[in-house]
Amino acid sequence: MNQNWHGILIRHMVLLLGTCLLLGLFTGHYGLCLAIGLALYLAYTLKQLLRLHLWLREQKPDQAPPEGVGLWGDVFDSIYTLQRRDQRVRARLQAVIDRIQESTAALRDAVVMLDSDGNLEWWNPAAQLLLGLKTPQDSGQPVTNLVRHPRFKEYFAHGNYADPLEIPSPVNDKVRLQLLITRYGNNEHLLLVRDMTRLHQLEQMRKDFIANVSHELRTPLTVITGYLETLLDNGDDLPTRWQRPLQQMQTQGERMQTLLNDLLLLAKLEATDYPSESHPVAIDHLLRTIKGDARALSGTRNQTITLEADPTLHLKGSEPELRSAFSNLVFNAVKYTPDGGQIHVRWWQDAQGAHLSVQDSGIGIEAKHIPRLTERFYRVDSSRSSNTGGTGLGLAIVKHVLLRHRGRLEISSVPNRGSTFTCHFPQQQIATQLEAYSPEEG
């Protein structure tokens, strides 16, 4: 409204006082006329306030405010203008919301909106098919009460949503889902769910194929290496020109046997999410054993291998799996560190959990290769594996062992200055003193 309310009020009061004084001049009762005039003006103002109060309390949607004259007419007109403006804004917002709901309803992927506490606020029809959510009875329920898979509860509570999670559908165990949570707004959550059943089946077929082929190759390879060993044991009876080819065949046979063992181990690790056996593992003792094996592997290369381990820090998990992962890291450090280099292994605990680091002064790795190091058969340099006899599966095995123990691998490296491989384990994976106690130690 463009009018000046202060000016209007002043004019009304001047007009009221003038009228009262004029009536007092005719009647001779100035005070009485002024009191009656002010009382009438106050009664009119109170009546308009009451009309406004009743309209605000009892108004129906899109109901216009009451009509009025004078100053109160301007007030009601201003309210009407704001009301219409608000209706237009709400109509535009509702149109946007309707379009968003229509588009999400057409998605095959589930979209679920959660509040800051993880309670269900809204979901599209695909969420009903993939997660079994029911409208409206599930509204306001904690999502962990409806998606009860232990890995999802752990994933949601952990708060680190950088990587997606794959679990079976709560509706159908044969359906494999990929879940990804994104934070938005006031710490609210947006849950996206995708049906990964087809990709999971293809991946499972690939794993089964590799496992079956690896298993089938072991028998003929064992026969071949057995005959080679027999021939080499009787090398004096063989022509000299056959000895070197047979030794090379035996070396490559052993390398192939190592590759098959790694493939079978990787298939076994991928078969389940957690180790079948989980008990407190004395990591310091395990690392001392690995250090001795690393010294034997180093041989006469004059490498310095040091170990710093907390003897009271134990980890819950599978000792064979942890031995395989940690030995892969330490042996890689030995292989890729030049003669006279230094390798330092450290096992410690802080507020974030338990950590194992393997630091070397080796040839290092360029930054562009680091994200792909844990892929199967990925080669930074094909000549490296040829020289060191690596299978290209070591870091893939490390990655899967850590995943099964709720851990993660961090890699930092500077070319020509060395690399550091660090395994991080959460607090929940650390064994307490009571769990680490064994009767033999008592």
Protein backbone atom coordinates (compact mmCIF):
# COMPACT_ATOMS: atom_id res chain seq x y z
CA MET A 1 0.00 0.00 0.00
CA ASN A 2 1.42 3.37 -0.99
CA GLN A 3 -0.57 5.62 1.33
CA ASN A 4 0.99 7.17 4.44
CA TRP A 5 -0.78 5.64 7.43
CA HIS A 6 0.62 8.22 9.82
CA GLY A 7 -0.82 11.05 7.73
CA ILE A 8 -4.19 9.31 7.50
CA LEU A 9 -4.33 8.77 11.26
CA ILE A 10 -3.44 12.40 11.92
CA ARG A 11 -6.15 13.60 9.52
CA HIS A 12 -8.71 11.28 11.14
CA MET A 13 -7.87 12.54 14.62
CA VAL A 14 -7.98 16.19 13.51
CA LEU A 15 -11.36 15.56 11.86
CA LEU A 16 -12.67 13.79 14.99
CA LEU A 17 -11.48 16.53 17.35
CA GLY A 18 -12.86 19.24 15.04
CA THR A 19 -16.26 17.56 14.91
CA CYS A 20 -16.37 17.07 18.70
CA LEU A 21 -15.39 20.69 19.36
CA LEU A 22 -18.03 21.92 16.90
CA LEU A 23 -20.73 19.84 18.63
CA GLY A 24 -19.49 21.10 21.98
CA LEU A 25 -19.83 24.67 20.73
CA PHE A 26 -23.52 24.11 19.98
CA THR A 27 -24.29 22.07 23.09
CA GLY A 28 -21.93 23.72 25.52
CA HIS A 29 -20.55 20.29 26.66
CA TYR A 30 -17.09 20.09 25.16
CA GLY A 31 -15.83 17.24 27.37
CA LEU A 32 -18.90 15.08 26.89
CA CYS A 33 -18.85 15.50 23.12
CA LEU A 34 -15.10 14.69 23.00
CA ALA A 35 -15.59 11.56 25.16
CA ILE A 36 -18.52 10.36 23.05
CA GLY A 37 -16.57 10.94 19.83
CA LEU A 38 -13.50 9.07 21.06
CA ALA A 39 -15.69 6.22 22.36
CA LEU A 40 -17.43 5.86 18.99
CA TYR A 41 -14.10 5.88 17.13
CA LEU A 42 -12.69 3.27 19.53
CA ALA A 43 -15.79 1.08 19.16
CA TYR A 44 -15.48 1.22 15.36
CA THR A 45 -11.78 0.27 15.58
CA LEU A 46 -12.52 -2.63 17.94
CA LYS A 47 -15.29 -3.85 15.62
CA GLN A 48 -12.88 -3.94 12.67
CA LEU A 49 -10.26 -5.75 14.78
CA LEU A 50 -12.87 -8.32 15.75
CA ARG A 51 -13.81 -8.85 12.09
CA LEU A 52 -10.13 -9.36 11.23
CA HIS A 53 -9.68 -11.78 14.15
CA LEU A 54 -12.71 -13.86 13.15
CA TRP A 55 -11.50 -14.03 9.54
CA LEU A 56 -8.01 -15.14 10.56
CA ARG A 57 -9.41 -17.80 12.90
CA GLU A 58 -12.16 -19.18 10.71
CA GLN A 59 -11.01 -18.45 7.17
CA LYS A 60 -11.34 -21.15 4.54
CA PRO A 61 -8.78 -21.74 1.78
CA ASP A 62 -8.71 -18.85 -0.69
CA GLN A 63 -11.40 -16.95 1.27
CA ALA A 64 -10.99 -13.19 0.78
CA PRO A 65 -10.71 -10.89 3.84
CA PRO A 66 -13.77 -8.84 4.91
CA GLU A 67 -14.55 -5.57 3.19
CA GLY A 68 -14.05 -2.24 4.89
CA VAL A 69 -13.90 1.52 4.33
CA GLY A 70 -11.32 4.12 5.08
CA LEU A 71 -8.15 3.06 6.82
CA TRP A 72 -9.46 -0.44 7.55
CA GLY A 73 -10.43 -0.83 3.90
CA ASP A 74 -6.81 -0.19 2.99
CA VAL A 75 -5.68 -2.78 5.56
CA PHE A 76 -8.05 -5.43 4.17
CA ASP A 77 -7.05 -4.62 0.60
CA SER A 78 -3.35 -5.04 1.52
CA ILE A 79 -4.09 -8.41 3.11
CA TYR A 80 -6.00 -9.46 0.00
CA THR A 81 -3.08 -8.46 -2.21
CA LEU A 82 -0.62 -10.48 -0.09
CA GLN A 83 -3.03 -13.41 -0.07
CA ARG A 84 -3.24 -13.50 -3.85
CA ARG A 85 0.53 -13.19 -4.18
CA ASP A 86 0.99 -16.07 -1.75
CA GLN A 87 -1.52 -18.19 -3.68
CA ARG A 88 0.40 -17.63 -6.93
CA VAL A 89 3.70 -18.57 -5.26
CA ARG A 90 2.17 -21.67 -3.69
CA ALA A 91 0.66 -22.67 -7.02
CA ARG A 92 4.07 -22.41 -8.72
CA LEU A 93 5.74 -24.40 -5.93
CA GLN A 94 3.01 -27.04 -6.04
CA ALA A 95 3.48 -27.34 -9.79
CA VAL A 96 7.23 -27.91 -9.29
CA ILE A 97 6.54 -30.48 -6.55
CA ASP A 98 4.00 -32.27 -8.76
CA ARG A 99 6.51 -32.45 -11.61
CA ILE A 100 9.21 -33.79 -9.28
CA GLN A 101 6.85 -36.42 -7.90
CA GLU A 102 5.72 -37.42 -11.40
CA SER A 103 9.32 -37.75 -12.59
CA THR A 104 10.45 -39.74 -9.55
CA ALA A 105 7.37 -41.94 -9.81
CA ALA A 106 8.46 -42.84 -13.33
CA LEU A 107 11.93 -43.89 -12.14
CA ARG A 108 12.81 -47.55 -11.83
CA ASP A 109 15.20 -46.61 -9.03
CA ALA A 110 13.82 -46.08 -5.54
CA VAL A 111 14.03 -42.59 -4.02
CA VAL A 112 13.47 -42.27 -0.28
CA MET A 113 13.58 -39.03 1.73
CA LEU A 114 14.66 -39.32 5.38
CA ASP A 115 14.80 -36.70 8.10
CA SER A 116 17.91 -35.99 10.17
CA ASP A 117 17.11 -38.93 12.48
CA GLY A 118 16.65 -41.40 9.63
CA ASN A 119 12.84 -41.49 9.76
CA LEU A 120 10.87 -41.99 6.54
CA GLU A 121 9.28 -38.84 5.11
CA TRP A 122 8.49 -39.66 1.47
CA TRP A 123 9.25 -42.33 -1.15
CA ASN A 124 8.35 -43.11 -4.74
CA PRO A 125 6.48 -46.21 -5.97
CA ALA A 126 9.73 -48.02 -6.85
CA ALA A 127 10.66 -47.99 -3.14
CA GLN A 128 7.53 -50.03 -2.43
CA LEU A 129 8.67 -52.69 -4.90
CA LEU A 130 12.36 -52.79 -3.97
CA LEU A 131 12.22 -52.14 -0.21
CA GLY A 132 8.65 -53.16 0.62
CA LEU A 133 7.68 -49.76 2.05
CA LYS A 134 3.95 -49.32 2.63
CA THR A 135 1.95 -46.10 2.38
CA PRO A 136 0.96 -44.52 4.72
CA GLN A 137 1.66 -46.79 7.70
CA ASP A 138 5.45 -46.70 7.31
CA SER A 139 5.63 -42.91 7.27
CA GLY A 140 7.67 -41.63 10.21
CA GLN A 141 9.23 -45.04 10.91
CA PRO A 142 13.05 -45.36 11.23
CA VAL A 143 14.44 -46.76 8.00
CA THR A 144 16.60 -49.25 9.93
CA ASN A 145 13.42 -50.83 11.31
CA LEU A 146 12.25 -51.64 7.78
CA VAL A 147 15.60 -52.40 6.12
CA ARG A 148 17.05 -54.66 8.81
CA HIS A 149 20.12 -56.03 7.08
CA PRO A 150 23.10 -55.76 9.52
CA ARG A 151 25.36 -54.24 6.90
CA PHE A 152 22.82 -51.48 6.15
CA LYS A 153 22.42 -50.65 9.84
CA GLU A 154 26.19 -50.44 10.16
CA TYR A 155 26.44 -48.39 6.95
CA PHE A 156 23.77 -45.92 8.05
CA ALA A 157 25.15 -45.52 11.57
CA HIS A 158 28.74 -45.07 10.39
CA GLY A 159 27.84 -41.90 8.46
CA ASN A 160 30.44 -42.37 5.71
CA TYR A 161 28.45 -42.58 2.48
CA ALA A 162 31.28 -42.12 -0.04
CA ASP A 163 30.83 -45.65 -1.41
CA PRO A 164 27.53 -47.41 -2.20
CA LEU A 165 26.37 -50.53 -0.36
CA GLU A 166 25.08 -53.76 -1.90
CA ILE A 167 22.63 -55.92 0.05
CA PRO A 168 19.77 -58.34 -0.75
CA SER A 169 16.32 -56.82 -1.03
CA PRO A 170 14.19 -57.07 2.15
CA VAL A 171 11.32 -58.19 -0.10
CA ASN A 172 13.16 -60.85 -2.15
CA ASP A 173 16.54 -62.34 -1.29
CA LYS A 174 17.19 -63.06 -4.97
CA VAL A 175 17.10 -59.35 -5.80
CA ARG A 176 20.38 -57.52 -5.21
CA LEU A 177 20.17 -53.81 -4.37
CA GLN A 178 22.72 -51.02 -4.42
CA LEU A 179 22.07 -48.27 -1.86
CA LEU A 180 23.62 -44.81 -1.80
CA ILE A 181 22.87 -42.12 0.78
CA THR A 182 23.37 -38.40 0.19
CA ARG A 183 23.03 -35.70 2.84
CA TYR A 184 21.18 -32.49 2.00
CA GLY A 185 19.43 -29.59 3.71
CA ASN A 186 19.44 -29.66 7.50
CA ASN A 187 21.35 -32.98 7.79
CA GLU A 188 18.50 -34.80 6.05
CA HIS A 189 19.15 -37.91 3.94
CA LEU A 190 18.27 -38.91 0.40
CA LEU A 191 18.40 -42.68 -0.12
CA LEU A 192 18.77 -43.93 -3.70
CA VAL A 193 18.22 -47.64 -4.36
CA ARG A 194 18.98 -49.42 -7.63
CA ASP A 195 18.27 -52.99 -8.73
CA MET A 196 21.69 -54.53 -9.44
CA THR A 197 20.49 -58.11 -9.79
CA ARG A 198 21.56 -58.50 -13.42
CA LEU A 199 25.02 -57.05 -12.85
CA HIS A 200 25.37 -59.12 -9.69
CA GLN A 201 24.50 -62.28 -11.61
CA LEU A 202 27.06 -61.44 -14.31
CA GLU A 203 29.69 -60.72 -11.67
CA GLN A 204 28.85 -63.99 -9.92
CA MET A 205 29.17 -65.86 -13.20
CA ARG A 206 32.59 -64.31 -13.72
CA LYS A 207 33.68 -65.27 -10.21
CA ASP A 208 32.38 -68.82 -10.61
CA PHE A 209 34.12 -69.15 -13.97
CA ILE A 210 37.47 -68.01 -12.58
CA ALA A 211 37.12 -70.23 -9.52
CA ASN A 212 36.15 -73.29 -11.58
CA VAL A 213 38.86 -72.78 -14.19
CA SER A 214 41.47 -72.22 -11.49
CA HIS A 215 40.37 -75.37 -9.70
CA GLU A 216 40.37 -77.46 -12.89
CA LEU A 217 43.83 -76.23 -13.88
CA ARG A 218 45.40 -77.28 -10.60
CA THR A 219 45.32 -81.01 -11.41
CA PRO A 220 47.06 -80.91 -14.80
CA LEU A 221 49.49 -78.31 -13.52
CA THR A 222 50.35 -80.52 -10.54
CA VAL A 223 51.04 -83.43 -12.91
CA ILE A 224 53.24 -81.27 -15.14
CA THR A 225 55.27 -79.80 -12.28
CA GLY A 226 55.57 -83.25 -10.72
CA TYR A 227 57.15 -84.71 -13.86
CA LEU A 228 59.41 -81.65 -14.18
CA GLU A 229 60.65 -82.13 -10.63
CA THR A 230 61.31 -85.82 -11.35
CA LEU A 231 63.25 -84.97 -14.49
CA LEU A 232 65.30 -82.30 -12.74
CA ASP A 233 66.05 -84.63 -9.82
CA ASN A 234 67.63 -86.97 -12.38
CA GLY A 235 69.31 -84.17 -14.27
CA ASP A 236 72.60 -86.00 -14.53
CA ASP A 237 70.98 -88.50 -16.89
CA LEU A 238 69.61 -85.74 -19.18
CA PRO A 239 71.41 -83.96 -22.00
CA THR A 240 72.91 -80.66 -20.84
CA ARG A 241 70.92 -78.65 -23.35
CA TRP A 242 67.64 -79.84 -21.74
CA GLN A 243 68.44 -78.72 -18.20
CA ARG A 244 67.99 -74.98 -18.68
CA PRO A 245 64.62 -75.27 -20.52
CA LEU A 246 63.35 -77.67 -17.84
CA GLN A 247 64.39 -75.27 -15.07
CA GLN A 248 62.59 -72.42 -16.82
CA MET A 249 59.50 -74.60 -17.22
CA GLN A 250 59.60 -75.44 -13.52
CA THR A 251 59.95 -71.75 -12.59
CA GLN A 252 57.00 -70.75 -14.76
CA GLY A 253 54.99 -73.70 -13.44
CA GLU A 254 55.56 -72.52 -9.88
CA ARG A 255 54.54 -69.02 -10.89
CA MET A 256 51.36 -70.35 -12.47
CA GLN A 257 50.65 -72.37 -9.34
CA THR A 258 50.97 -69.18 -7.26
CA LEU A 259 48.59 -67.41 -9.63
CA LEU A 260 45.99 -70.17 -9.32
CA ASN A 261 46.28 -70.14 -5.52
CA ASP A 262 45.72 -66.37 -5.49
CA LEU A 263 42.71 -66.68 -7.80
CA LEU A 264 41.16 -69.36 -5.58
CA LEU A 265 41.84 -67.29 -2.46
CA LEU A 266 40.25 -64.22 -4.06
CA ALA A 267 37.18 -66.26 -5.07
CA LYS A 268 36.88 -67.51 -1.50
CA LEU A 269 37.14 -63.98 -0.09
CA GLU A 270 34.44 -62.70 -2.47
CA ALA A 271 32.03 -65.51 -1.58
CA THR A 272 30.99 -64.04 1.78
CA ASP A 273 30.88 -60.60 3.42
CA TYR A 274 32.56 -61.54 6.70
CA PRO A 275 35.10 -64.19 7.79
CA SER A 276 33.56 -67.52 8.79
CA GLU A 277 35.80 -67.50 11.86
CA SER A 278 36.39 -64.37 13.89
CA HIS A 279 38.48 -64.32 17.05
CA PRO A 280 41.10 -62.03 18.63
CA VAL A 281 44.34 -62.07 16.66
CA ALA A 282 47.67 -61.05 18.22
CA ILE A 283 48.83 -58.80 15.39
CA ASP A 284 52.27 -58.10 16.92
CA HIS A 285 53.11 -61.83 16.90
CA LEU A 286 51.73 -62.15 13.37
CA LEU A 287 53.88 -59.23 12.17
CA ARG A 288 57.02 -60.66 13.77
CA THR A 289 56.48 -63.86 11.79
CA ILE A 290 55.93 -61.89 8.57
CA LYS A 291 59.05 -59.85 9.30
CA GLY A 292 61.11 -63.05 9.52
CA ASP A 293 59.70 -64.25 6.19
CA ALA A 294 60.43 -60.84 4.66
CA ARG A 295 64.07 -61.04 5.79
CA ALA A 296 64.35 -64.45 4.13
CA LEU A 297 62.80 -63.02 0.95
CA SER A 298 65.19 -60.07 1.02
CA GLY A 299 68.18 -62.42 1.24
CA THR A 300 71.46 -60.68 0.50
CA ARG A 301 69.93 -57.38 -0.67
CA ASN A 302 71.01 -55.64 2.55
CA GLN A 303 67.56 -54.12 3.19
CA THR A 304 66.69 -52.74 6.64
CA ILE A 305 63.33 -54.07 7.87
CA THR A 306 62.06 -52.58 11.15
CA LEU A 307 58.89 -53.33 13.13
CA GLU A 308 57.05 -51.15 15.65
CA ALA A 309 53.99 -52.92 17.05
CA ASP A 310 51.79 -52.47 20.13
CA PRO A 311 51.79 -55.91 21.83
CA THR A 312 48.52 -55.18 23.67
CA LEU A 313 46.56 -54.28 20.53
CA HIS A 314 44.57 -57.23 19.15
CA LEU A 315 42.18 -57.37 16.23
CA LYS A 316 39.00 -59.38 15.77
CA GLY A 317 39.05 -61.42 12.59
CA SER A 318 40.50 -64.34 10.69
CA GLU A 319 44.22 -64.86 11.27
CA PRO A 320 44.88 -66.60 7.90
CA GLU A 321 43.17 -63.79 6.00
CA LEU A 322 44.98 -61.05 7.93
CA ARG A 323 48.28 -62.88 7.47
CA SER A 324 47.66 -63.04 3.71
CA ALA A 325 46.84 -59.32 3.49
CA PHE A 326 49.69 -58.05 5.70
CA SER A 327 52.28 -60.37 4.14
CA ASN A 328 51.27 -59.15 0.67
CA LEU A 329 51.96 -55.56 1.71
CA VAL A 330 55.28 -56.35 3.38
CA PHE A 331 56.51 -58.66 0.60
CA ASN A 332 55.58 -56.05 -2.03
CA ALA A 333 57.68 -53.53 -0.12
CA VAL A 334 60.62 -55.96 -0.19
CA LYS A 335 60.20 -56.64 -3.92
CA TYR A 336 59.93 -53.00 -4.99
CA THR A 337 62.58 -51.53 -2.65
CA PRO A 338 66.10 -51.40 -4.10
CA ASP A 339 69.10 -53.01 -2.42
CA GLY A 340 70.07 -51.26 0.80
CA GLY A 341 66.61 -49.65 1.12
CA GLN A 342 64.51 -49.29 4.26
CA ILE A 343 61.13 -50.82 5.14
CA HIS A 344 59.26 -49.81 8.29
CA VAL A 345 56.16 -51.65 9.56
CA ARG A 346 54.06 -50.00 12.27
CA TRP A 347 50.98 -51.23 14.19
CA TRP A 348 49.26 -48.73 16.50
CA GLN A 349 45.98 -47.40 17.85
CA ASP A 350 44.45 -43.93 18.16
CA ALA A 351 41.00 -42.39 18.64
CA GLN A 352 39.91 -43.46 15.12
CA GLY A 353 40.82 -47.13 15.57
CA ALA A 354 43.73 -49.46 14.78
CA HIS A 355 46.20 -48.89 11.95
CA LEU A 356 48.91 -50.83 10.14
CA SER A 357 51.36 -48.99 7.90
CA VAL A 358 54.05 -50.41 5.63
CA GLN A 359 56.47 -47.71 4.52
CA ASP A 360 59.30 -48.29 2.07
CA SER A 361 61.97 -46.27 0.27
CA GLY A 362 61.29 -47.96 -3.03
CA ILE A 363 60.66 -46.78 -6.57
CA GLY A 364 57.27 -45.21 -5.75
CA ILE A 365 54.10 -44.97 -7.82
CA GLU A 366 52.72 -42.12 -9.91
CA ALA A 367 49.51 -40.55 -8.59
CA LYS A 368 47.47 -41.51 -11.68
CA HIS A 369 47.97 -45.23 -10.94
CA ILE A 370 47.01 -45.20 -7.24
CA PRO A 371 43.17 -45.36 -7.64
CA ARG A 372 43.48 -48.55 -9.74
CA LEU A 373 46.12 -50.43 -7.76
CA THR A 374 43.59 -52.73 -6.08
CA GLU A 375 42.10 -53.89 -9.41
CA ARG A 376 42.84 -57.45 -10.48
CA PHE A 377 45.86 -57.76 -12.79
CA TYR A 378 46.35 -53.99 -13.01
CA ARG A 379 49.95 -53.24 -13.99
CA VAL A 380 51.71 -49.99 -13.21
CA ASP A 381 54.53 -51.30 -15.37
CA SER A 382 54.35 -54.72 -17.01
CA SER A 383 58.09 -55.18 -16.58
CA ARG A 384 57.77 -54.90 -12.80
CA SER A 385 55.72 -58.07 -12.42
CA SER A 386 57.98 -59.92 -14.82
CA ASN A 387 61.00 -59.02 -12.74
CA THR A 388 59.42 -59.64 -9.33
CA GLY A 389 57.25 -62.63 -10.17
CA GLY A 390 54.05 -60.92 -9.04
CA THR A 391 50.60 -62.18 -10.03
CA GLY A 392 48.85 -58.79 -10.04
CA LEU A 393 46.34 -60.02 -7.43
CA GLY A 394 48.09 -59.12 -4.18
CA LEU A 395 46.47 -55.73 -3.57
CA ALA A 396 43.08 -57.05 -4.72
CA ILE A 397 43.37 -59.71 -1.99
CA VAL A 398 44.37 -57.02 0.52
CA LYS A 399 41.34 -54.93 -0.43
CA HIS A 400 38.88 -57.80 0.03
CA VAL A 401 40.40 -58.93 3.31
CA LEU A 402 40.09 -55.39 4.67
CA LEU A 403 36.49 -55.10 3.49
CA ARG A 404 35.65 -58.33 5.31
CA HIS A 405 37.22 -56.85 8.46
CA ARG A 406 35.46 -53.46 8.11
CA GLY A 407 38.76 -51.86 7.15
CA ARG A 408 40.01 -49.73 4.28
CA LEU A 409 43.32 -49.24 2.48
CA GLU A 410 45.01 -45.88 2.05
CA ILE A 411 47.90 -45.50 -0.40
CA SER A 412 50.33 -42.59 -0.61
CA SER A 413 53.41 -42.57 -2.79
CA VAL A 414 56.02 -40.28 -4.31
CA PRO A 415 57.95 -41.54 -7.36
CA ASN A 416 61.58 -42.36 -6.57
CA ARG A 417 61.01 -41.65 -2.87
CA GLY A 418 58.86 -44.55 -1.69
CA SER A 419 55.33 -45.58 -0.82
CA THR A 420 53.20 -46.01 2.30
CA PHE A 421 50.32 -48.48 2.46
CA THR A 422 48.09 -47.96 5.51
CA CYS A 423 45.29 -50.25 6.69
CA HIS A 424 42.65 -48.55 8.86
CA PHE A 425 40.33 -50.55 11.15
CA PRO A 426 37.43 -49.03 13.14
CA GLN A 427 37.22 -49.19 16.93
CA GLN A 428 34.55 -51.90 16.79
CA GLN A 429 37.06 -54.26 15.15
CA ILE A 430 39.54 -53.99 18.02
CA ALA A 431 39.44 -56.88 20.51
CA THR A 432 39.05 -55.91 24.16
CA GLN A 433 41.38 -57.22 26.82
CA LEU A 434 38.77 -59.79 27.90
CA GLU A 435 38.35 -61.03 24.32
CA ALA A 436 42.11 -61.14 23.76
CA TYR A 437 42.64 -63.31 26.87
CA SER A 438 43.28 -66.99 26.26
CA PRO A 439 43.48 -69.84 28.82
CA GLU A 440 47.02 -70.73 27.72
CA GLU A 441 48.16 -67.24 28.66
CA GLY A 442 46.43 -67.49 32.03
